[in-house]
Amino acid sequence: MEKLRVGLAGVMQMNFCGDKIGQLERSTRELEALAGRLGFDFVAFPRPVLSEADAAEVVAYVRQQRIDFLLVQNSSFAGGRLMLTLSSACGRCRNRQQTVRSRSTRSAA
């Protein structure tokens, strides 16, 4: 059986105060540990998402890595356009959800 692949992308604005990078690194470490305990694959985007161009790179990364579920950590107020761009990464998620629904419907019949 194929493992669930969970991704993480950290969006942020650098001009806001706080340890945004540190929080993202902490989340990455904790999700890596959780993946080991619960048996899912974990893939983190390798750097903070600061711009629409970065968000577009995340979308490509999600598709290339075949991520099923993208967790977006908003460490500081991030622009809405980042979220709009990231939402287009969910095609694989929708397709997987439809497959699961189809299997559930067949097994219920």
N, C-alpha and C. Protein backbone atom coordinates (compact mmCIF):
# COMPACT_ATOMS: atom_id res chain seq x y z
N MET A 1 0.84 -1.18 0.00
CA MET A 1 0.00 0.00 0.00
C MET A 1 0.89 1.25 0.00
N GLU A 2 0.51 2.20 -0.78
CA GLU A 2 1.27 3.45 -0.89
C GLU A 2 1.06 4.32 0.35
N LYS A 3 2.17 4.85 0.87
CA LYS A 3 2.09 5.72 2.05
C LYS A 3 1.56 7.10 1.68
N LEU A 4 0.85 7.70 2.62
CA LEU A 4 0.42 9.08 2.47
C LEU A 4 1.66 9.97 2.49
N ARG A 5 1.71 10.95 1.58
CA ARG A 5 2.84 11.89 1.52
C ARG A 5 2.34 13.26 1.94
N VAL A 6 2.88 13.75 3.04
CA VAL A 6 2.49 15.03 3.62
C VAL A 6 3.62 16.03 3.37
N GLY A 7 3.24 17.20 2.88
CA GLY A 7 4.22 18.25 2.63
C GLY A 7 4.02 19.42 3.58
N LEU A 8 5.06 20.22 3.74
CA LEU A 8 5.01 21.41 4.56
C LEU A 8 5.62 22.57 3.80
N ALA A 9 4.92 23.70 3.78
CA ALA A 9 5.46 24.94 3.23
C ALA A 9 5.21 26.04 4.25
N GLY A 10 6.23 26.82 4.53
CA GLY A 10 6.10 27.89 5.50
C GLY A 10 6.04 29.24 4.82
N VAL A 11 4.89 29.91 4.91
CA VAL A 11 4.74 31.24 4.32
C VAL A 11 4.93 32.29 5.40
N MET A 12 5.54 33.40 5.01
CA MET A 12 5.81 34.45 5.99
C MET A 12 6.17 35.76 5.32
N GLN A 13 6.09 36.82 6.09
CA GLN A 13 6.57 38.15 5.70
C GLN A 13 7.76 38.45 6.59
N MET A 14 8.90 38.74 6.03
CA MET A 14 10.11 38.93 6.83
C MET A 14 10.08 40.23 7.63
N ASN A 15 9.23 41.19 7.25
CA ASN A 15 9.22 42.46 7.98
C ASN A 15 8.40 42.40 9.28
N PHE A 16 7.76 41.27 9.57
CA PHE A 16 7.08 41.09 10.84
C PHE A 16 8.07 40.53 11.85
N CYS A 17 7.88 40.88 13.12
CA CYS A 17 8.81 40.42 14.15
C CYS A 17 8.53 38.96 14.52
N GLY A 18 9.45 38.37 15.24
CA GLY A 18 9.30 37.00 15.70
C GLY A 18 10.25 36.06 14.99
N ASP A 19 10.40 34.89 15.57
CA ASP A 19 11.32 33.88 15.05
C ASP A 19 10.61 32.96 14.06
N LYS A 20 10.27 33.52 12.92
CA LYS A 20 9.50 32.78 11.91
C LYS A 20 10.29 31.58 11.38
N ILE A 21 11.55 31.80 11.06
CA ILE A 21 12.40 30.72 10.52
C ILE A 21 12.55 29.62 11.58
N GLY A 22 12.80 30.02 12.83
CA GLY A 22 12.95 29.04 13.91
C GLY A 22 11.70 28.21 14.10
N GLN A 23 10.53 28.84 14.01
CA GLN A 23 9.27 28.11 14.15
C GLN A 23 9.08 27.12 13.01
N LEU A 24 9.45 27.52 11.81
CA LEU A 24 9.34 26.62 10.66
C LEU A 24 10.30 25.43 10.83
N GLU A 25 11.51 25.70 11.27
CA GLU A 25 12.48 24.62 11.49
C GLU A 25 11.99 23.66 12.57
N ARG A 26 11.41 24.21 13.63
CA ARG A 26 10.85 23.38 14.70
C ARG A 26 9.72 22.50 14.17
N SER A 27 8.82 23.09 13.41
CA SER A 27 7.71 22.32 12.84
C SER A 27 8.23 21.20 11.94
N THR A 28 9.25 21.51 11.17
CA THR A 28 9.84 20.50 10.28
C THR A 28 10.37 19.32 11.10
N ARG A 29 11.14 19.61 12.14
CA ARG A 29 11.69 18.54 13.00
C ARG A 29 10.58 17.71 13.63
N GLU A 30 9.56 18.40 14.15
CA GLU A 30 8.48 17.68 14.83
C GLU A 30 7.64 16.84 13.87
N LEU A 31 7.43 17.34 12.66
CA LEU A 31 6.68 16.56 11.67
C LEU A 31 7.49 15.38 11.16
N GLU A 32 8.80 15.54 11.05
CA GLU A 32 9.66 14.41 10.67
C GLU A 32 9.54 13.29 11.71
N ALA A 33 9.57 13.66 12.99
CA ALA A 33 9.43 12.68 14.06
C ALA A 33 8.05 12.02 14.03
N LEU A 34 7.02 12.82 13.82
CA LEU A 34 5.65 12.31 13.76
C LEU A 34 5.48 11.35 12.58
N ALA A 35 6.09 11.68 11.46
CA ALA A 35 6.02 10.80 10.28
C ALA A 35 6.60 9.42 10.60
N GLY A 36 7.71 9.42 11.34
CA GLY A 36 8.31 8.14 11.72
C GLY A 36 7.41 7.33 12.63
N ARG A 37 6.74 7.99 13.56
CA ARG A 37 5.85 7.29 14.49
C ARG A 37 4.56 6.81 13.82
N LEU A 38 4.02 7.63 12.91
CA LEU A 38 2.72 7.30 12.32
C LEU A 38 2.81 6.63 10.94
N GLY A 39 4.00 6.59 10.37
CA GLY A 39 4.19 5.85 9.13
C GLY A 39 3.77 6.56 7.86
N PHE A 40 3.86 7.89 7.82
CA PHE A 40 3.63 8.60 6.55
C PHE A 40 4.95 9.20 6.07
N ASP A 41 5.00 9.52 4.80
CA ASP A 41 6.17 10.19 4.25
C ASP A 41 6.01 11.69 4.45
N PHE A 42 7.09 12.35 4.85
CA PHE A 42 7.05 13.78 5.08
C PHE A 42 8.08 14.46 4.18
N VAL A 43 7.63 15.52 3.50
CA VAL A 43 8.48 16.28 2.60
C VAL A 43 8.26 17.77 2.87
N ALA A 44 9.33 18.48 3.22
CA ALA A 44 9.22 19.91 3.49
C ALA A 44 9.83 20.70 2.34
N PHE A 45 9.16 21.78 1.95
CA PHE A 45 9.75 22.69 0.98
C PHE A 45 10.99 23.28 1.64
N PRO A 46 12.13 23.34 0.94
CA PRO A 46 13.40 23.62 1.60
C PRO A 46 13.67 25.05 2.08
N ARG A 47 12.76 25.97 1.83
CA ARG A 47 13.02 27.35 2.28
C ARG A 47 11.68 28.07 2.50
N PRO A 48 11.72 29.20 3.19
CA PRO A 48 10.48 29.96 3.41
C PRO A 48 9.86 30.45 2.10
N VAL A 49 8.55 30.58 2.11
CA VAL A 49 7.81 31.08 0.96
C VAL A 49 7.50 32.55 1.22
N LEU A 50 8.14 33.42 0.46
CA LEU A 50 8.04 34.86 0.70
C LEU A 50 7.31 35.62 -0.41
N SER A 51 7.21 35.01 -1.59
CA SER A 51 6.66 35.72 -2.74
C SER A 51 5.77 34.80 -3.56
N GLU A 52 5.06 35.39 -4.51
CA GLU A 52 4.24 34.58 -5.41
C GLU A 52 5.10 33.64 -6.24
N ALA A 53 6.29 34.08 -6.61
CA ALA A 53 7.21 33.21 -7.36
C ALA A 53 7.60 32.00 -6.51
N ASP A 54 7.88 32.23 -5.22
CA ASP A 54 8.18 31.12 -4.32
C ASP A 54 6.99 30.17 -4.22
N ALA A 55 5.79 30.72 -4.12
CA ALA A 55 4.59 29.89 -4.02
C ALA A 55 4.41 29.05 -5.28
N ALA A 56 4.70 29.62 -6.43
CA ALA A 56 4.63 28.85 -7.68
C ALA A 56 5.65 27.71 -7.67
N GLU A 57 6.82 27.95 -7.09
CA GLU A 57 7.82 26.88 -6.95
C GLU A 57 7.31 25.78 -6.03
N VAL A 58 6.59 26.15 -4.98
CA VAL A 58 6.01 25.15 -4.08
C VAL A 58 5.02 24.27 -4.85
N VAL A 59 4.18 24.89 -5.67
CA VAL A 59 3.21 24.13 -6.45
C VAL A 59 3.93 23.10 -7.33
N ALA A 60 4.98 23.52 -8.01
CA ALA A 60 5.75 22.60 -8.85
C ALA A 60 6.39 21.50 -7.99
N TYR A 61 6.90 21.88 -6.83
CA TYR A 61 7.54 20.94 -5.91
C TYR A 61 6.54 19.89 -5.42
N VAL A 62 5.33 20.34 -5.07
CA VAL A 62 4.29 19.42 -4.60
C VAL A 62 3.98 18.40 -5.68
N ARG A 63 3.87 18.85 -6.89
CA ARG A 63 3.56 17.93 -8.00
C ARG A 63 4.72 16.99 -8.28
N GLN A 64 5.94 17.53 -8.26
CA GLN A 64 7.12 16.71 -8.53
C GLN A 64 7.32 15.66 -7.44
N GLN A 65 7.06 16.02 -6.20
CA GLN A 65 7.24 15.11 -5.07
C GLN A 65 6.01 14.21 -4.82
N ARG A 66 4.96 14.43 -5.60
CA ARG A 66 3.72 13.65 -5.49
C ARG A 66 3.15 13.69 -4.07
N ILE A 67 3.05 14.91 -3.55
CA ILE A 67 2.53 15.14 -2.20
C ILE A 67 1.01 15.05 -2.23
N ASP A 68 0.46 14.33 -1.25
CA ASP A 68 -0.99 14.14 -1.16
C ASP A 68 -1.67 15.25 -0.38
N PHE A 69 -0.99 15.78 0.62
CA PHE A 69 -1.58 16.77 1.52
C PHE A 69 -0.53 17.82 1.82
N LEU A 70 -0.84 19.08 1.56
CA LEU A 70 0.10 20.16 1.82
C LEU A 70 -0.34 20.94 3.05
N LEU A 71 0.49 20.94 4.07
CA LEU A 71 0.27 21.72 5.28
C LEU A 71 0.99 23.05 5.09
N VAL A 72 0.25 24.15 5.21
CA VAL A 72 0.83 25.48 5.04
C VAL A 72 0.92 26.13 6.42
N GLN A 73 2.15 26.40 6.83
CA GLN A 73 2.37 27.08 8.10
C GLN A 73 2.50 28.57 7.83
N ASN A 74 1.62 29.33 8.43
CA ASN A 74 1.62 30.78 8.26
C ASN A 74 2.25 31.39 9.51
N SER A 75 3.57 31.53 9.48
CA SER A 75 4.31 31.99 10.66
C SER A 75 4.13 33.47 10.94
N SER A 76 3.71 34.20 9.98
CA SER A 76 3.37 35.62 10.14
C SER A 76 2.34 35.93 9.07
N PHE A 77 1.73 37.07 9.16
CA PHE A 77 0.73 37.44 8.17
C PHE A 77 1.36 37.38 6.78
N ALA A 78 0.82 36.53 5.93
CA ALA A 78 1.34 36.40 4.57
C ALA A 78 0.29 36.93 3.60
N GLY A 79 0.75 37.44 2.47
CA GLY A 79 -0.16 37.97 1.47
C GLY A 79 -1.13 36.93 0.94
N GLY A 80 -2.36 37.35 0.68
CA GLY A 80 -3.38 36.44 0.19
C GLY A 80 -3.05 35.81 -1.14
N ARG A 81 -2.27 36.50 -1.94
CA ARG A 81 -1.90 35.92 -3.24
C ARG A 81 -1.05 34.66 -3.08
N LEU A 82 -0.29 34.59 -2.00
CA LEU A 82 0.49 33.37 -1.77
C LEU A 82 -0.45 32.18 -1.58
N MET A 83 -1.49 32.38 -0.78
CA MET A 83 -2.44 31.29 -0.51
C MET A 83 -3.21 30.92 -1.78
N LEU A 84 -3.57 31.91 -2.55
CA LEU A 84 -4.27 31.65 -3.80
C LEU A 84 -3.41 30.79 -4.72
N THR A 85 -2.15 31.14 -4.83
CA THR A 85 -1.23 30.35 -5.67
C THR A 85 -1.07 28.94 -5.11
N LEU A 86 -0.87 28.83 -3.79
CA LEU A 86 -0.67 27.51 -3.18
C LEU A 86 -1.90 26.62 -3.32
N SER A 87 -3.07 27.22 -3.38
CA SER A 87 -4.29 26.40 -3.49
C SER A 87 -4.33 25.61 -4.80
N SER A 88 -3.60 26.03 -5.80
CA SER A 88 -3.59 25.30 -7.06
C SER A 88 -2.76 24.02 -6.97
N ALA A 89 -2.06 23.81 -5.87
CA ALA A 89 -1.26 22.60 -5.69
C ALA A 89 -2.12 21.40 -5.34
N CYS A 90 -3.39 21.62 -5.08
CA CYS A 90 -4.24 20.57 -4.50
C CYS A 90 -4.86 19.63 -5.51
N GLY A 91 -4.53 19.70 -6.77
CA GLY A 91 -5.12 18.81 -7.76
C GLY A 91 -4.95 17.35 -7.41
N ARG A 92 -3.75 16.97 -7.01
CA ARG A 92 -3.50 15.57 -6.62
C ARG A 92 -4.33 15.22 -5.39
N CYS A 93 -4.46 16.17 -4.47
CA CYS A 93 -5.26 15.92 -3.27
C CYS A 93 -6.71 15.64 -3.65
N ARG A 94 -7.27 16.46 -4.54
CA ARG A 94 -8.66 16.26 -4.97
C ARG A 94 -8.81 14.92 -5.66
N ASN A 95 -7.87 14.56 -6.54
CA ASN A 95 -7.95 13.29 -7.26
C ASN A 95 -7.90 12.12 -6.29
N ARG A 96 -7.03 12.20 -5.30
CA ARG A 96 -6.92 11.12 -4.31
C ARG A 96 -8.21 11.03 -3.49
N GLN A 97 -8.78 12.17 -3.14
CA GLN A 97 -10.02 12.19 -2.35
C GLN A 97 -11.15 11.53 -3.15
N GLN A 98 -11.23 11.80 -4.45
CA GLN A 98 -12.26 11.19 -5.27
C GLN A 98 -12.07 9.68 -5.35
N THR A 99 -10.81 9.23 -5.43
CA THR A 99 -10.53 7.79 -5.48
C THR A 99 -10.98 7.12 -4.19
N VAL A 100 -10.67 7.74 -3.06
CA VAL A 100 -11.07 7.18 -1.77
C VAL A 100 -12.59 7.11 -1.67
N ARG A 101 -13.28 8.17 -2.11
CA ARG A 101 -14.75 8.17 -2.08
C ARG A 101 -15.31 7.04 -2.95
N SER A 102 -14.72 6.83 -4.14
CA SER A 102 -15.18 5.78 -5.03
C SER A 102 -15.04 4.42 -4.38
N ARG A 103 -13.91 4.19 -3.72
CA ARG A 103 -13.70 2.91 -3.04
C ARG A 103 -14.69 2.74 -1.90
N SER A 104 -14.96 3.80 -1.15
CA SER A 104 -15.90 3.73 -0.04
C SER A 104 -17.30 3.41 -0.52
N THR A 105 -17.69 4.00 -1.63
CA THR A 105 -19.03 3.78 -2.19
C THR A 105 -19.17 2.32 -2.65
N ARG A 106 -18.12 1.80 -3.31
CA ARG A 106 -18.16 0.41 -3.78
C ARG A 106 -18.22 -0.57 -2.63
N SER A 107 -17.43 -0.31 -1.57
CA SER A 107 -17.41 -1.26 -0.45
C SER A 107 -18.69 -1.20 0.37
N ALA A 108 -19.40 -0.06 0.33
CA ALA A 108 -20.67 0.07 1.07
C ALA A 108 -21.80 -0.66 0.34
N ALA A 109 -21.64 -0.85 -0.95
CA ALA A 109 -22.71 -1.46 -1.76
C ALA A 109 -22.80 -2.96 -1.59
